[in-house]
Amino acid sequence: MAPTVLVLEDESGLREVLGLMLEYSGYDVEAVRNGAEGLRRLREGLRPACVLLDLMMPIMDGPEFVRAMRADATLASIPVVVLSGITRMLDDPSSLGAAAYLEKPLDVPRVPDVVAEQCGPAR
C-alpha cells in the first residue's frame, strides 16, 4: 500500500497539480481546500505519512491547522511540509514545527523528493 499525503491548498490548480504529481510518483493523495477540511479528515481517521500545507488559506489557515494538529496526541507526530511564499517562515523552520519548507512559487520537480524525505518512499 502506498503512503498517503494529505495536501492542504486553497488554490485549485496547484492542488490538482500537486495531487497528480504525487500520484504519478506513487503516493495516495487526499487533497482539501483548507485547514478545517484537513483537520476533519484527520479526525475521521485519515493517517497520512505527511502533510503538505499551504499557510495562507481561508476558514482555517496553516498555522491554526498545525496548532490544532499538534494539540492532538494521535496527530502530533505526522510530519508537516509547509508550502509558502512567506519567506520569513522559511528562515525559521522551527516556528511551526515543520519538517521542511518549500517556497512558492514551487520548484515542482523538487516536491516528490521532499515528500519522499518526509513521508518515506512511494511503494
PDB file of N, CA and C in Angstrom:
ATOM      1  N   MET A   1       0.848  -1.187   0.000  1.00  0.00           N
ATOM      2  CA  MET A   1       0.000   0.000   0.000  1.00  0.00           C
ATOM      3  C   MET A   1       0.891   1.249   0.000  1.00  0.00           C
ATOM      4  N   ALA A   2       0.557   2.206  -0.832  1.00  0.00           N
ATOM      5  CA  ALA A   2       1.337   3.435  -0.959  1.00  0.00           C
ATOM      6  C   ALA A   2       1.085   4.359   0.228  1.00  0.00           C
ATOM      7  N   PRO A   3       2.104   5.110   0.647  1.00  0.00           N
ATOM      8  CA  PRO A   3       1.897   6.111   1.693  1.00  0.00           C
ATOM      9  C   PRO A   3       0.935   7.191   1.193  1.00  0.00           C
ATOM     10  N   THR A   4       0.154   7.732   2.111  1.00  0.00           N
ATOM     11  CA  THR A   4      -0.789   8.798   1.767  1.00  0.00           C
ATOM     12  C   THR A   4      -0.197  10.144   2.142  1.00  0.00           C
ATOM     13  N   VAL A   5      -0.396  11.124   1.262  1.00  0.00           N
ATOM     14  CA  VAL A   5      -0.016  12.506   1.517  1.00  0.00           C
ATOM     15  C   VAL A   5      -1.302  13.325   1.580  1.00  0.00           C
ATOM     16  N   LEU A   6      -1.477  14.074   2.657  1.00  0.00           N
ATOM     17  CA  LEU A   6      -2.600  14.999   2.781  1.00  0.00           C
ATOM     18  C   LEU A   6      -2.133  16.352   2.283  1.00  0.00           C
ATOM     19  N   VAL A   7      -2.779  16.862   1.235  1.00  0.00           N
ATOM     20  CA  VAL A   7      -2.427  18.149   0.642  1.00  0.00           C
ATOM     21  C   VAL A   7      -3.489  19.160   1.034  1.00  0.00           C
ATOM     22  N   LEU A   8      -3.071  20.246   1.694  1.00  0.00           N
ATOM     23  CA  LEU A   8      -3.968  21.340   2.049  1.00  0.00           C
ATOM     24  C   LEU A   8      -3.543  22.561   1.257  1.00  0.00           C
ATOM     25  N   GLU A   9      -4.336  22.917   0.259  1.00  0.00           N
ATOM     26  CA  GLU A   9      -4.010  24.030  -0.645  1.00  0.00           C
ATOM     27  C   GLU A   9      -5.319  24.601  -1.167  1.00  0.00           C
ATOM     28  N   ASP A  10      -5.518  25.916  -0.979  1.00  0.00           N
ATOM     29  CA  ASP A  10      -6.773  26.519  -1.413  1.00  0.00           C
ATOM     30  C   ASP A  10      -6.818  26.820  -2.906  1.00  0.00           C
ATOM     31  N   GLU A  11      -5.688  26.946  -3.551  1.00  0.00           N
ATOM     32  CA  GLU A  11      -5.664  27.226  -4.989  1.00  0.00           C
ATOM     33  C   GLU A  11      -5.907  25.917  -5.743  1.00  0.00           C
ATOM     34  N   SER A  12      -7.046  25.837  -6.418  1.00  0.00           N
ATOM     35  CA  SER A  12      -7.461  24.569  -7.024  1.00  0.00           C
ATOM     36  C   SER A  12      -6.467  24.060  -8.063  1.00  0.00           C
ATOM     37  N   GLY A  13      -5.895  24.935  -8.877  1.00  0.00           N
ATOM     38  CA  GLY A  13      -4.950  24.500  -9.894  1.00  0.00           C
ATOM     39  C   GLY A  13      -3.708  23.871  -9.287  1.00  0.00           C
ATOM     40  N   LEU A  14      -3.158  24.505  -8.268  1.00  0.00           N
ATOM     41  CA  LEU A  14      -1.968  23.971  -7.606  1.00  0.00           C
ATOM     42  C   LEU A  14      -2.306  22.690  -6.855  1.00  0.00           C
ATOM     43  N   ARG A  15      -3.471  22.666  -6.220  1.00  0.00           N
ATOM     44  CA  ARG A  15      -3.905  21.456  -5.502  1.00  0.00           C
ATOM     45  C   ARG A  15      -3.990  20.273  -6.474  1.00  0.00           C
ATOM     46  N   GLU A  16      -4.531  20.516  -7.654  1.00  0.00           N
ATOM     47  CA  GLU A  16      -4.657  19.460  -8.653  1.00  0.00           C
ATOM     48  C   GLU A  16      -3.284  19.010  -9.170  1.00  0.00           C
ATOM     49  N   VAL A  17      -2.405  19.971  -9.467  1.00  0.00           N
ATOM     50  CA  VAL A  17      -1.060  19.634  -9.955  1.00  0.00           C
ATOM     51  C   VAL A  17      -0.303  18.825  -8.911  1.00  0.00           C
ATOM     52  N   LEU A  18      -0.347  19.255  -7.660  1.00  0.00           N
ATOM     53  CA  LEU A  18       0.343  18.522  -6.592  1.00  0.00           C
ATOM     54  C   LEU A  18      -0.213  17.104  -6.463  1.00  0.00           C
ATOM     55  N   GLY A  19      -1.528  16.990  -6.491  1.00  0.00           N
ATOM     56  CA  GLY A  19      -2.149  15.677  -6.375  1.00  0.00           C
ATOM     57  C   GLY A  19      -1.747  14.750  -7.504  1.00  0.00           C
ATOM     58  N   LEU A  20      -1.816  15.238  -8.735  1.00  0.00           N
ATOM     59  CA  LEU A  20      -1.452  14.410  -9.891  1.00  0.00           C
ATOM     60  C   LEU A  20       0.022  14.018  -9.856  1.00  0.00           C
ATOM     61  N   MET A  21       0.877  14.976  -9.523  1.00  0.00           N
ATOM     62  CA  MET A  21       2.308  14.710  -9.490  1.00  0.00           C
ATOM     63  C   MET A  21       2.649  13.666  -8.425  1.00  0.00           C
ATOM     64  N   LEU A  22       2.043  13.794  -7.254  1.00  0.00           N
ATOM     65  CA  LEU A  22       2.323  12.838  -6.180  1.00  0.00           C
ATOM     66  C   LEU A  22       1.744  11.461  -6.495  1.00  0.00           C
ATOM     67  N   GLU A  23       0.567  11.432  -7.098  1.00  0.00           N
ATOM     68  CA  GLU A  23       0.003  10.143  -7.514  1.00  0.00           C
ATOM     69  C   GLU A  23       0.900   9.493  -8.571  1.00  0.00           C
ATOM     70  N   TYR A  24       1.371  10.273  -9.507  1.00  0.00           N
ATOM     71  CA  TYR A  24       2.281   9.764 -10.535  1.00  0.00           C
ATOM     72  C   TYR A  24       3.569   9.223  -9.896  1.00  0.00           C
ATOM     73  N   SER A  25       3.981   9.848  -8.798  1.00  0.00           N
ATOM     74  CA  SER A  25       5.196   9.418  -8.092  1.00  0.00           C
ATOM     75  C   SER A  25       4.952   8.203  -7.213  1.00  0.00           C
ATOM     76  N   GLY A  26       3.702   7.758  -7.116  1.00  0.00           N
ATOM     77  CA  GLY A  26       3.399   6.536  -6.381  1.00  0.00           C
ATOM     78  C   GLY A  26       2.726   6.706  -5.036  1.00  0.00           C
ATOM     79  N   TYR A  27       2.318   7.915  -4.691  1.00  0.00           N
ATOM     80  CA  TYR A  27       1.651   8.171  -3.416  1.00  0.00           C
ATOM     81  C   TYR A  27       0.142   8.174  -3.594  1.00  0.00           C
ATOM     82  N   ASP A  28      -0.575   7.840  -2.545  1.00  0.00           N
ATOM     83  CA  ASP A  28      -2.003   8.103  -2.482  1.00  0.00           C
ATOM     84  C   ASP A  28      -2.136   9.538  -1.995  1.00  0.00           C
ATOM     85  N   VAL A  29      -3.128  10.246  -2.494  1.00  0.00           N
ATOM     86  CA  VAL A  29      -3.276  11.663  -2.151  1.00  0.00           C
ATOM     87  C   VAL A  29      -4.704  11.948  -1.710  1.00  0.00           C
ATOM     88  N   GLU A  30      -4.810  12.681  -0.624  1.00  0.00           N
ATOM     89  CA  GLU A  30      -6.067  13.256  -0.168  1.00  0.00           C
ATOM     90  C   GLU A  30      -5.841  14.764  -0.223  1.00  0.00           C
ATOM     91  N   ALA A  31      -6.608  15.469  -1.048  1.00  0.00           N
ATOM     92  CA  ALA A  31      -6.399  16.908  -1.226  1.00  0.00           C
ATOM     93  C   ALA A  31      -7.640  17.670  -0.784  1.00  0.00           C
ATOM     94  N   VAL A  32      -7.421  18.708   0.042  1.00  0.00           N
ATOM     95  CA  VAL A  32      -8.515  19.519   0.563  1.00  0.00           C
ATOM     96  C   VAL A  32      -8.172  21.004   0.427  1.00  0.00           C
ATOM     97  N   ARG A  33      -9.193  21.863   0.605  1.00  0.00           N
ATOM     98  CA  ARG A  33      -9.062  23.296   0.346  1.00  0.00           C
ATOM     99  C   ARG A  33      -8.607  24.143   1.518  1.00  0.00           C
ATOM    100  N   ASN A  34      -8.714  23.625   2.746  1.00  0.00           N
ATOM    101  CA  ASN A  34      -8.356  24.460   3.893  1.00  0.00           C
ATOM    102  C   ASN A  34      -8.078  23.587   5.115  1.00  0.00           C
ATOM    103  N   GLY A  35      -7.600  24.230   6.158  1.00  0.00           N
ATOM    104  CA  GLY A  35      -7.232  23.516   7.365  1.00  0.00           C
ATOM    105  C   GLY A  35      -8.399  22.834   8.055  1.00  0.00           C
ATOM    106  N   ALA A  36      -9.575  23.448   8.007  1.00  0.00           N
ATOM    107  CA  ALA A  36     -10.739  22.838   8.650  1.00  0.00           C
ATOM    108  C   ALA A  36     -11.081  21.505   7.988  1.00  0.00           C
ATOM    109  N   GLU A  37     -11.028  21.464   6.654  1.00  0.00           N
ATOM    110  CA  GLU A  37     -11.294  20.211   5.951  1.00  0.00           C
ATOM    111  C   GLU A  37     -10.211  19.175   6.268  1.00  0.00           C
ATOM    112  N   GLY A  38      -8.967  19.613   6.300  1.00  0.00           N
ATOM    113  CA  GLY A  38      -7.873  18.702   6.616  1.00  0.00           C
ATOM    114  C   GLY A  38      -7.989  18.132   8.016  1.00  0.00           C
ATOM    115  N   LEU A  39      -8.292  18.982   8.973  1.00  0.00           N
ATOM    116  CA  LEU A  39      -8.450  18.531  10.355  1.00  0.00           C
ATOM    117  C   LEU A  39      -9.629  17.570  10.484  1.00  0.00           C
ATOM    118  N   ARG A  40     -10.713  17.851   9.777  1.00  0.00           N
ATOM    119  CA  ARG A  40     -11.871  16.949   9.787  1.00  0.00           C
ATOM    120  C   ARG A  40     -11.482  15.565   9.268  1.00  0.00           C
ATOM    121  N   ARG A  41     -10.746  15.529   8.157  1.00  0.00           N
ATOM    122  CA  ARG A  41     -10.318  14.236   7.591  1.00  0.00           C
ATOM    123  C   ARG A  41      -9.419  13.474   8.572  1.00  0.00           C
ATOM    124  N   LEU A  42      -8.523  14.189   9.245  1.00  0.00           N
ATOM    125  CA  LEU A  42      -7.661  13.541  10.242  1.00  0.00           C
ATOM    126  C   LEU A  42      -8.484  13.004  11.405  1.00  0.00           C
ATOM    127  N   ARG A  43      -9.443  13.768  11.850  1.00  0.00           N
ATOM    128  CA  ARG A  43     -10.278  13.332  12.975  1.00  0.00           C
ATOM    129  C   ARG A  43     -11.203  12.183  12.582  1.00  0.00           C
ATOM    130  N   GLU A  44     -11.474  12.043  11.287  1.00  0.00           N
ATOM    131  CA  GLU A  44     -12.262  10.911  10.785  1.00  0.00           C
ATOM    132  C   GLU A  44     -11.417   9.641  10.662  1.00  0.00           C
ATOM    133  N   GLY A  45     -10.109   9.772  10.871  1.00  0.00           N
ATOM    134  CA  GLY A  45      -9.259   8.592  10.867  1.00  0.00           C
ATOM    135  C   GLY A  45      -8.188   8.537   9.794  1.00  0.00           C
ATOM    136  N   LEU A  46      -8.139   9.509   8.899  1.00  0.00           N
ATOM    137  CA  LEU A  46      -7.072   9.533   7.903  1.00  0.00           C
ATOM    138  C   LEU A  46      -5.735   9.670   8.612  1.00  0.00           C
ATOM    139  N   ARG A  47      -4.762   8.829   8.265  1.00  0.00           N
ATOM    140  CA  ARG A  47      -3.431   8.895   8.863  1.00  0.00           C
ATOM    141  C   ARG A  47      -2.395   8.956   7.746  1.00  0.00           C
ATOM    142  N   PRO A  48      -2.159  10.159   7.252  1.00  0.00           N
ATOM    143  CA  PRO A  48      -1.192  10.306   6.170  1.00  0.00           C
ATOM    144  C   PRO A  48       0.240  10.139   6.681  1.00  0.00           C
ATOM    145  N   ALA A  49       1.128   9.796   5.759  1.00  0.00           N
ATOM    146  CA  ALA A  49       2.550   9.717   6.091  1.00  0.00           C
ATOM    147  C   ALA A  49       3.107  11.104   6.324  1.00  0.00           C
ATOM    148  N   CYS A  50       2.540  12.108   5.650  1.00  0.00           N
ATOM    149  CA  CYS A  50       2.904  13.506   5.892  1.00  0.00           C
ATOM    150  C   CYS A  50       1.824  14.416   5.323  1.00  0.00           C
ATOM    151  N   VAL A  51       1.954  15.693   5.657  1.00  0.00           N
ATOM    152  CA  VAL A  51       1.012  16.722   5.226  1.00  0.00           C
ATOM    153  C   VAL A  51       1.780  17.777   4.439  1.00  0.00           C
ATOM    154  N   LEU A  52       1.259  18.151   3.253  1.00  0.00           N
ATOM    155  CA  LEU A  52       1.755  19.327   2.520  1.00  0.00           C
ATOM    156  C   LEU A  52       0.791  20.446   2.840  1.00  0.00           C
ATOM    157  N   LEU A  53       1.291  21.533   3.409  1.00  0.00           N
ATOM    158  CA  LEU A  53       0.424  22.558   3.990  1.00  0.00           C
ATOM    159  C   LEU A  53       0.721  23.951   3.466  1.00  0.00           C
ATOM    160  N   ASP A  54      -0.263  24.536   2.803  1.00  0.00           N
ATOM    161  CA  ASP A  54      -0.211  25.950   2.436  1.00  0.00           C
ATOM    162  C   ASP A  54      -0.480  26.754   3.708  1.00  0.00           C
ATOM    163  N   LEU A  55       0.221  27.853   3.891  1.00  0.00           N
ATOM    164  CA  LEU A  55      -0.001  28.655   5.101  1.00  0.00           C
ATOM    165  C   LEU A  55      -1.207  29.577   5.001  1.00  0.00           C
ATOM    166  N   MET A  56      -1.422  30.154   3.828  1.00  0.00           N
ATOM    167  CA  MET A  56      -2.476  31.158   3.664  1.00  0.00           C
ATOM    168  C   MET A  56      -3.695  30.520   3.002  1.00  0.00           C
ATOM    169  N   MET A  57      -4.698  30.168   3.822  1.00  0.00           N
ATOM    170  CA  MET A  57      -5.934  29.562   3.334  1.00  0.00           C
ATOM    171  C   MET A  57      -7.112  30.190   4.065  1.00  0.00           C
ATOM    172  N   PRO A  58      -8.285  30.171   3.434  1.00  0.00           N
ATOM    173  CA  PRO A  58      -9.487  30.667   4.119  1.00  0.00           C
ATOM    174  C   PRO A  58      -9.975  29.662   5.159  1.00  0.00           C
ATOM    175  N   ILE A  59     -10.871  30.089   5.996  1.00  0.00           N
ATOM    176  CA  ILE A  59     -11.559  29.306   7.020  1.00  0.00           C
ATOM    177  C   ILE A  59     -10.621  28.915   8.154  1.00  0.00           C
ATOM    178  N   MET A  60      -9.602  28.094   7.888  1.00  0.00           N
ATOM    179  CA  MET A  60      -8.582  27.766   8.888  1.00  0.00           C
ATOM    180  C   MET A  60      -7.246  27.759   8.160  1.00  0.00           C
ATOM    181  N   ASP A  61      -6.370  28.692   8.538  1.00  0.00           N
ATOM    182  CA  ASP A  61      -5.093  28.800   7.830  1.00  0.00           C
ATOM    183  C   ASP A  61      -4.092  27.756   8.343  1.00  0.00           C
ATOM    184  N   GLY A  62      -2.920  27.751   7.738  1.00  0.00           N
ATOM    185  CA  GLY A  62      -1.900  26.769   8.066  1.00  0.00           C
ATOM    186  C   GLY A  62      -1.465  26.774   9.524  1.00  0.00           C
ATOM    187  N   PRO A  63      -1.109  27.933  10.091  1.00  0.00           N
ATOM    188  CA  PRO A  63      -0.702  27.940  11.499  1.00  0.00           C
ATOM    189  C   PRO A  63      -1.795  27.430  12.447  1.00  0.00           C
ATOM    190  N   GLU A  64      -3.061  27.789  12.186  1.00  0.00           N
ATOM    191  CA  GLU A  64      -4.159  27.275  13.020  1.00  0.00           C
ATOM    192  C   GLU A  64      -4.261  25.759  12.908  1.00  0.00           C
ATOM    193  N   PHE A  65      -4.121  25.258  11.674  1.00  0.00           N
ATOM    194  CA  PHE A  65      -4.178  23.819  11.441  1.00  0.00           C
ATOM    195  C   PHE A  65      -3.074  23.096  12.219  1.00  0.00           C
ATOM    196  N   VAL A  66      -1.854  23.615  12.136  1.00  0.00           N
ATOM    197  CA  VAL A  66      -0.730  22.977  12.831  1.00  0.00           C
ATOM    198  C   VAL A  66      -0.956  22.986  14.337  1.00  0.00           C
ATOM    199  N   ARG A  67      -1.411  24.104  14.884  1.00  0.00           N
ATOM    200  CA  ARG A  67      -1.667  24.162  16.332  1.00  0.00           C
ATOM    201  C   ARG A  67      -2.700  23.109  16.745  1.00  0.00           C
ATOM    202  N   ALA A  68      -3.784  22.998  15.981  1.00  0.00           N
ATOM    203  CA  ALA A  68      -4.829  22.015  16.300  1.00  0.00           C
ATOM    204  C   ALA A  68      -4.299  20.592  16.152  1.00  0.00           C
ATOM    205  N   MET A  69      -3.530  20.350  15.118  1.00  0.00           N
ATOM    206  CA  MET A  69      -2.979  19.017  14.887  1.00  0.00           C
ATOM    207  C   MET A  69      -2.003  18.631  15.999  1.00  0.00           C
ATOM    208  N   ARG A  70      -1.132  19.549  16.374  1.00  0.00           N
ATOM    209  CA  ARG A  70      -0.128  19.265  17.409  1.00  0.00           C
ATOM    210  C   ARG A  70      -0.763  19.116  18.794  1.00  0.00           C
ATOM    211  N   ALA A  71      -1.941  19.677  18.999  1.00  0.00           N
ATOM    212  CA  ALA A  71      -2.623  19.563  20.288  1.00  0.00           C
ATOM    213  C   ALA A  71      -3.283  18.193  20.463  1.00  0.00           C
ATOM    214  N   ASP A  72      -3.387  17.426  19.384  1.00  0.00           N
ATOM    215  CA  ASP A  72      -3.994  16.097  19.423  1.00  0.00           C
ATOM    216  C   ASP A  72      -2.870  15.060  19.404  1.00  0.00           C
ATOM    217  N   ALA A  73      -2.709  14.331  20.484  1.00  0.00           N
ATOM    218  CA  ALA A  73      -1.596  13.379  20.615  1.00  0.00           C
ATOM    219  C   ALA A  73      -1.584  12.337  19.505  1.00  0.00           C
ATOM    220  N   THR A  74      -2.739  11.991  18.953  1.00  0.00           N
ATOM    221  CA  THR A  74      -2.781  10.984  17.895  1.00  0.00           C
ATOM    222  C   THR A  74      -2.331  11.538  16.542  1.00  0.00           C
ATOM    223  N   LEU A  75      -2.250  12.863  16.418  1.00  0.00           N
ATOM    224  CA  LEU A  75      -1.873  13.501  15.146  1.00  0.00           C
ATOM    225  C   LEU A  75      -0.534  14.227  15.218  1.00  0.00           C
ATOM    226  N   ALA A  76      -0.059  14.478  16.410  1.00  0.00           N
ATOM    227  CA  ALA A  76       1.086  15.370  16.615  1.00  0.00           C
ATOM    228  C   ALA A  76       2.367  14.929  15.927  1.00  0.00           C
ATOM    229  N   SER A  77       2.535  13.652  15.693  1.00  0.00           N
ATOM    230  CA  SER A  77       3.806  13.183  15.124  1.00  0.00           C
ATOM    231  C   SER A  77       3.822  13.149  13.591  1.00  0.00           C
ATOM    232  N   ILE A  78       2.723  13.506  12.951  1.00  0.00           N
ATOM    233  CA  ILE A  78       2.683  13.498  11.483  1.00  0.00           C
ATOM    234  C   ILE A  78       3.550  14.645  10.963  1.00  0.00           C
ATOM    235  N   PRO A  79       4.534  14.352  10.108  1.00  0.00           N
ATOM    236  CA  PRO A  79       5.391  15.412   9.575  1.00  0.00           C
ATOM    237  C   PRO A  79       4.612  16.383   8.685  1.00  0.00           C
ATOM    238  N   VAL A  80       4.946  17.661   8.797  1.00  0.00           N
ATOM    239  CA  VAL A  80       4.315  18.707   8.000  1.00  0.00           C
ATOM    240  C   VAL A  80       5.371  19.379   7.122  1.00  0.00           C
ATOM    241  N   VAL A  81       5.058  19.474   5.831  1.00  0.00           N
ATOM    242  CA  VAL A  81       5.890  20.207   4.884  1.00  0.00           C
ATOM    243  C   VAL A  81       5.108  21.454   4.491  1.00  0.00           C
ATOM    244  N   VAL A  82       5.639  22.611   4.817  1.00  0.00           N
ATOM    245  CA  VAL A  82       4.959  23.880   4.559  1.00  0.00           C
ATOM    246  C   VAL A  82       5.257  24.362   3.147  1.00  0.00           C
ATOM    247  N   LEU A  83       4.202  24.807   2.463  1.00  0.00           N
ATOM    248  CA  LEU A  83       4.300  25.457   1.162  1.00  0.00           C
ATOM    249  C   LEU A  83       3.952  26.919   1.386  1.00  0.00           C
ATOM    250  N   SER A  84       4.885  27.822   1.083  1.00  0.00           N
ATOM    251  CA  SER A  84       4.578  29.223   1.371  1.00  0.00           C
ATOM    252  C   SER A  84       5.417  30.183   0.555  1.00  0.00           C
ATOM    253  N   GLY A  85       4.819  31.307   0.252  1.00  0.00           N
ATOM    254  CA  GLY A  85       5.538  32.418  -0.342  1.00  0.00           C
ATOM    255  C   GLY A  85       5.985  33.410   0.718  1.00  0.00           C
ATOM    256  N   ILE A  86       5.687  33.106   1.974  1.00  0.00           N
ATOM    257  CA  ILE A  86       6.066  33.981   3.085  1.00  0.00           C
ATOM    258  C   ILE A  86       7.482  33.609   3.503  1.00  0.00           C
ATOM    259  N   THR A  87       8.459  34.326   2.988  1.00  0.00           N
ATOM    260  CA  THR A  87       9.853  33.919   3.168  1.00  0.00           C
ATOM    261  C   THR A  87      10.314  33.989   4.616  1.00  0.00           C
ATOM    262  N   ARG A  88       9.718  34.811   5.448  1.00  0.00           N
ATOM    263  CA  ARG A  88      10.161  34.858   6.851  1.00  0.00           C
ATOM    264  C   ARG A  88       9.887  33.528   7.545  1.00  0.00           C
ATOM    265  N   MET A  89       8.866  32.798   7.105  1.00  0.00           N
ATOM    266  CA  MET A  89       8.602  31.478   7.662  1.00  0.00           C
ATOM    267  C   MET A  89       9.700  30.501   7.249  1.00  0.00           C
ATOM    268  N   LEU A  90      10.245  30.703   6.072  1.00  0.00           N
ATOM    269  CA  LEU A  90      11.281  29.804   5.577  1.00  0.00           C
ATOM    270  C   LEU A  90      12.584  30.006   6.331  1.00  0.00           C
ATOM    271  N   ASP A  91      12.777  31.203   6.894  1.00  0.00           N
ATOM    272  CA  ASP A  91      14.000  31.496   7.632  1.00  0.00           C
ATOM    273  C   ASP A  91      14.035  30.818   8.998  1.00  0.00           C
ATOM    274  N   ASP A  92      12.866  30.512   9.573  1.00  0.00           N
ATOM    275  CA  ASP A  92      12.806  29.899  10.895  1.00  0.00           C
ATOM    276  C   ASP A  92      11.876  28.690  10.875  1.00  0.00           C
ATOM    277  N   PRO A  93      12.364  27.546  10.372  1.00  0.00           N
ATOM    278  CA  PRO A  93      11.512  26.365  10.261  1.00  0.00           C
ATOM    279  C   PRO A  93      10.912  25.908  11.576  1.00  0.00           C
ATOM    280  N   SER A  94      11.570  26.193  12.682  1.00  0.00           N
ATOM    281  CA  SER A  94      11.054  25.732  13.969  1.00  0.00           C
ATOM    282  C   SER A  94       9.814  26.501  14.411  1.00  0.00           C
ATOM    283  N   SER A  95       9.521  27.631  13.773  1.00  0.00           N
ATOM    284  CA  SER A  95       8.387  28.453  14.215  1.00  0.00           C
ATOM    285  C   SER A  95       7.056  27.702  14.120  1.00  0.00           C
ATOM    286  N   LEU A  96       6.927  26.775  13.202  1.00  0.00           N
ATOM    287  CA  LEU A  96       5.704  25.974  13.103  1.00  0.00           C
ATOM    288  C   LEU A  96       5.949  24.500  13.407  1.00  0.00           C
ATOM    289  N   GLY A  97       7.161  24.164  13.695  1.00  0.00           N
ATOM    290  CA  GLY A  97       7.458  22.756  13.910  1.00  0.00           C
ATOM    291  C   GLY A  97       7.361  21.946  12.637  1.00  0.00           C
ATOM    292  N   ALA A  98       7.608  22.584  11.506  1.00  0.00           N
ATOM    293  CA  ALA A  98       7.536  21.899  10.223  1.00  0.00           C
ATOM    294  C   ALA A  98       8.795  21.079   9.983  1.00  0.00           C
ATOM    295  N   ALA A  99       8.616  19.962   9.304  1.00  0.00           N
ATOM    296  CA  ALA A  99       9.745  19.105   8.961  1.00  0.00           C
ATOM    297  C   ALA A  99      10.538  19.694   7.803  1.00  0.00           C
ATOM    298  N   ALA A 100       9.855  20.419   6.907  1.00  0.00           N
ATOM    299  CA  ALA A 100      10.510  21.024   5.739  1.00  0.00           C
ATOM    300  C   ALA A 100       9.644  22.154   5.218  1.00  0.00           C
ATOM    301  N   TYR A 101      10.278  23.019   4.431  1.00  0.00           N
ATOM    302  CA  TYR A 101       9.574  24.138   3.802  1.00  0.00           C
ATOM    303  C   TYR A 101       9.878  24.136   2.318  1.00  0.00           C
ATOM    304  N   LEU A 102       8.865  24.431   1.532  1.00  0.00           N
ATOM    305  CA  LEU A 102       9.015  24.632   0.097  1.00  0.00           C
ATOM    306  C   LEU A 102       8.492  26.023  -0.230  1.00  0.00           C
ATOM    307  N   GLU A 103       9.329  26.811  -0.850  1.00  0.00           N
ATOM    308  CA  GLU A 103       8.964  28.190  -1.152  1.00  0.00           C
ATOM    309  C   GLU A 103       8.145  28.269  -2.435  1.00  0.00           C
ATOM    310  N   LYS A 104       7.085  29.085  -2.393  1.00  0.00           N
ATOM    311  CA  LYS A 104       6.295  29.388  -3.591  1.00  0.00           C
ATOM    312  C   LYS A 104       6.900  30.598  -4.268  1.00  0.00           C
ATOM    313  N   PRO A 105       6.915  30.671  -5.583  1.00  0.00           N
ATOM    314  CA  PRO A 105       6.422  29.638  -6.485  1.00  0.00           C
ATOM    315  C   PRO A 105       7.263  28.380  -6.361  1.00  0.00           C
ATOM    316  N   LEU A 106       6.564  27.240  -6.411  1.00  0.00           N
ATOM    317  CA  LEU A 106       7.205  25.952  -6.165  1.00  0.00           C
ATOM    318  C   LEU A 106       8.132  25.525  -7.285  1.00  0.00           C
ATOM    319  N   ASP A 107       9.219  24.917  -6.884  1.00  0.00           N
ATOM    320  CA  ASP A 107      10.084  24.175  -7.796  1.00  0.00           C
ATOM    321  C   ASP A 107       9.425  22.797  -7.873  1.00  0.00           C
ATOM    322  N   VAL A 108       8.445  22.656  -8.761  1.00  0.00           N
ATOM    323  CA  VAL A 108       7.575  21.485  -8.796  1.00  0.00           C
ATOM    324  C   VAL A 108       8.348  20.168  -8.865  1.00  0.00           C
ATOM    325  N   PRO A 109       9.392  20.039  -9.687  1.00  0.00           N
ATOM    326  CA  PRO A 109      10.105  18.755  -9.719  1.00  0.00           C
ATOM    327  C   PRO A 109      10.748  18.370  -8.380  1.00  0.00           C
ATOM    328  N   ARG A 110      10.969  19.325  -7.502  1.00  0.00           N
ATOM    329  CA  ARG A 110      11.583  19.048  -6.198  1.00  0.00           C
ATOM    330  C   ARG A 110      10.577  18.476  -5.185  1.00  0.00           C
ATOM    331  N   VAL A 111       9.299  18.710  -5.397  1.00  0.00           N
ATOM    332  CA  VAL A 111       8.279  18.317  -4.423  1.00  0.00           C
ATOM    333  C   VAL A 111       8.314  16.819  -4.107  1.00  0.00           C
ATOM    334  N   PRO A 112       8.333  15.911  -5.107  1.00  0.00           N
ATOM    335  CA  PRO A 112       8.371  14.489  -4.757  1.00  0.00           C
ATOM    336  C   PRO A 112       9.597  14.090  -3.934  1.00  0.00           C
ATOM    337  N   ASP A 113      10.731  14.746  -4.175  1.00  0.00           N
ATOM    338  CA  ASP A 113      11.931  14.440  -3.394  1.00  0.00           C
ATOM    339  C   ASP A 113      11.752  14.830  -1.929  1.00  0.00           C
ATOM    340  N   VAL A 114      11.189  16.006  -1.694  1.00  0.00           N
ATOM    341  CA  VAL A 114      10.956  16.453  -0.315  1.00  0.00           C
ATOM    342  C   VAL A 114       9.917  15.563   0.352  1.00  0.00           C
ATOM    343  N   VAL A 115       8.872  15.213  -0.380  1.00  0.00           N
ATOM    344  CA  VAL A 115       7.847  14.318   0.172  1.00  0.00           C
ATOM    345  C   VAL A 115       8.475  12.972   0.525  1.00  0.00           C
ATOM    346  N   ALA A 116       9.327  12.441  -0.348  1.00  0.00           N
ATOM    347  CA  ALA A 116       9.981  11.154  -0.056  1.00  0.00           C
ATOM    348  C   ALA A 116      10.859  11.240   1.185  1.00  0.00           C
ATOM    349  N   GLU A 117      11.527  12.388   1.376  1.00  0.00           N
ATOM    350  CA  GLU A 117      12.346  12.572   2.572  1.00  0.00           C
ATOM    351  C   GLU A 117      11.521  12.558   3.844  1.00  0.00           C
ATOM    352  N   GLN A 118      10.315  13.122   3.789  1.00  0.00           N
ATOM    353  CA  GLN A 118       9.481  13.266   4.987  1.00  0.00           C
ATOM    354  C   GLN A 118       8.473  12.138   5.163  1.00  0.00           C
ATOM    355  N   CYS A 119       7.974  11.591   4.066  1.00  0.00           N
ATOM    356  CA  CYS A 119       6.917  10.559   4.122  1.00  0.00           C
ATOM    357  C   CYS A 119       7.460   9.160   3.928  1.00  0.00           C
ATOM    358  N   GLY A 120       8.666   9.075   3.442  1.00  0.00           N
ATOM    359  CA  GLY A 120       9.194   7.786   3.034  1.00  0.00           C
ATOM    360  C   GLY A 120       8.932   7.600   1.549  1.00  0.00           C
ATOM    361  N   PRO A 121       9.632   6.674   0.944  1.00  0.00           N
ATOM    362  CA  PRO A 121       9.459   6.467  -0.491  1.00  0.00           C
ATOM    363  C   PRO A 121       8.097   5.890  -0.829  1.00  0.00           C
ATOM    364  N   ALA A 122       7.627   6.192  -2.031  1.00  0.00           N
ATOM    365  CA  ALA A 122       6.383   5.602  -2.514  1.00  0.00           C
ATOM    366  C   ALA A 122       6.635   4.120  -2.753  1.00  0.00           C
ATOM    367  N   ARG A 123       5.620   3.328  -2.606  1.00  0.00           N
ATOM    368  CA  ARG A 123       5.787   1.873  -2.807  1.00  0.00           C
ATOM    369  C   ARG A 123       5.205   1.443  -4.125  1.00  0.00           C
TER     370      ARG A 123
END
